[in-house]
Amino acid sequence: MKKFSSIVLALFIGFCLLVATDHKAYGYVDPGTGMLALQSVASMAAAAGYFMRRRIKALFTRKDSVETSKGPERVVLPVRVTRDDSANAA
């Protein structure tokens, strides 16, 4: 099994070297292609920043403390409302 894995690894490295070596290119790449790729990366970064703007803003802002100079902050809790016949209330 150890010999098999070393043979597979050698074949993989050989394939990577074959792909990575230079070959004569018989094609034309437009100079604007690089700018298109840069624009794509920049637009993805801008979209990620837009969707994560609250988290980014939280990094640069401080949270107010619970206690202020006037006293502790008041918390309002929801109250269950019962429906009664308010038409007869005077």
Protein backbone atom coordinates (compact mmCIF):
# COMPACT_ATOMS: atom_id res chain seq x y z
CA MET A 1 0.00 0.00 0.00
CA LYS A 2 2.89 2.35 0.80
CA LYS A 3 4.45 1.70 -2.61
CA PHE A 4 1.12 2.37 -4.34
CA SER A 5 0.68 5.73 -2.58
CA SER A 6 4.23 6.78 -3.50
CA ILE A 7 3.59 5.87 -7.17
CA VAL A 8 0.33 7.87 -7.17
CA LEU A 9 2.12 10.82 -5.57
CA ALA A 10 4.91 10.64 -8.18
CA LEU A 11 2.36 10.59 -11.00
CA PHE A 12 0.51 13.55 -9.49
CA ILE A 13 3.74 15.57 -9.17
CA GLY A 14 4.68 14.67 -12.75
CA PHE A 15 1.26 15.81 -13.99
CA CYS A 16 1.57 19.09 -12.07
CA LEU A 17 5.02 19.71 -13.58
CA LEU A 18 3.69 18.94 -17.05
CA VAL A 19 0.86 21.44 -16.64
CA ALA A 20 3.10 24.11 -15.09
CA THR A 21 5.77 24.14 -17.80
CA ASP A 22 5.79 26.74 -20.55
CA HIS A 23 4.34 25.95 -23.93
CA LYS A 24 4.22 28.13 -26.99
CA ALA A 25 0.92 29.93 -27.03
CA TYR A 26 -0.66 30.41 -30.42
CA GLY A 27 -3.39 32.69 -29.20
CA TYR A 28 -4.03 36.30 -28.40
CA VAL A 29 -5.03 37.67 -25.00
CA ASP A 30 -6.56 41.10 -25.09
CA PRO A 31 -4.83 43.64 -22.79
CA GLY A 32 -8.21 44.55 -21.29
CA THR A 33 -8.64 41.03 -19.91
CA GLY A 34 -6.58 41.82 -16.82
CA MET A 35 -8.68 44.90 -16.12
CA LEU A 36 -11.85 42.81 -16.44
CA ALA A 37 -10.51 40.35 -13.87
CA LEU A 38 -9.55 43.23 -11.55
CA GLN A 39 -13.03 44.75 -11.94
CA SER A 40 -14.63 41.39 -11.08
CA VAL A 41 -12.58 41.04 -7.90
CA ALA A 42 -13.31 44.65 -6.90
CA SER A 43 -17.06 44.24 -7.46
CA MET A 44 -17.11 41.05 -5.34
CA ALA A 45 -15.27 42.88 -2.54
CA ALA A 46 -17.75 45.78 -2.76
CA ALA A 47 -20.72 43.39 -2.63
CA ALA A 48 -19.28 41.58 0.38
CA GLY A 49 -18.71 44.91 2.11
CA TYR A 50 -22.29 45.97 1.40
CA PHE A 51 -23.77 42.78 2.82
CA MET A 52 -21.53 42.87 5.89
CA ARG A 53 -21.79 46.63 6.53
CA ARG A 54 -23.34 46.25 9.98
CA ARG A 55 -20.55 43.99 11.16
CA ILE A 56 -17.93 46.31 9.70
CA LYS A 57 -19.58 49.31 11.35
CA ALA A 58 -19.62 47.45 14.68
CA LEU A 59 -15.84 47.08 14.47
CA PHE A 60 -15.33 50.84 14.35
CA THR A 61 -18.01 52.06 16.79
CA ARG A 62 -18.23 51.79 20.55
CA LYS A 63 -21.21 50.40 22.36
CA ASP A 64 -22.85 52.66 24.93
CA SER A 65 -22.67 51.45 28.49
CA VAL A 66 -25.84 50.34 30.27
CA GLU A 67 -25.43 52.94 32.99
CA THR A 68 -25.68 56.58 31.91
CA SER A 69 -25.23 59.72 33.91
CA LYS A 70 -29.00 59.92 34.52
CA GLY A 71 -29.21 56.43 35.92
CA PRO A 72 -29.66 52.89 34.71
CA GLU A 73 -31.33 52.33 31.38
CA ARG A 74 -34.95 51.24 31.58
CA VAL A 75 -36.07 48.09 29.85
CA VAL A 76 -39.62 47.83 28.51
CA LEU A 77 -41.08 44.34 28.62
CA PRO A 78 -44.04 43.22 26.53
CA VAL A 79 -47.35 42.94 28.37
CA ARG A 80 -50.14 40.58 27.47
CA VAL A 81 -53.26 42.50 26.50
CA THR A 82 -56.65 40.99 27.18
CA ARG A 83 -59.59 41.92 25.00
CA ASP A 84 -62.65 42.92 26.94
CA ASP A 85 -65.83 44.70 25.97
CA SER A 86 -64.51 48.25 25.76
CA ALA A 87 -67.70 49.53 24.06
CA ASN A 88 -69.49 49.52 27.45
CA ALA A 89 -66.64 51.31 29.21
CA ALA A 90 -67.55 54.86 30.01
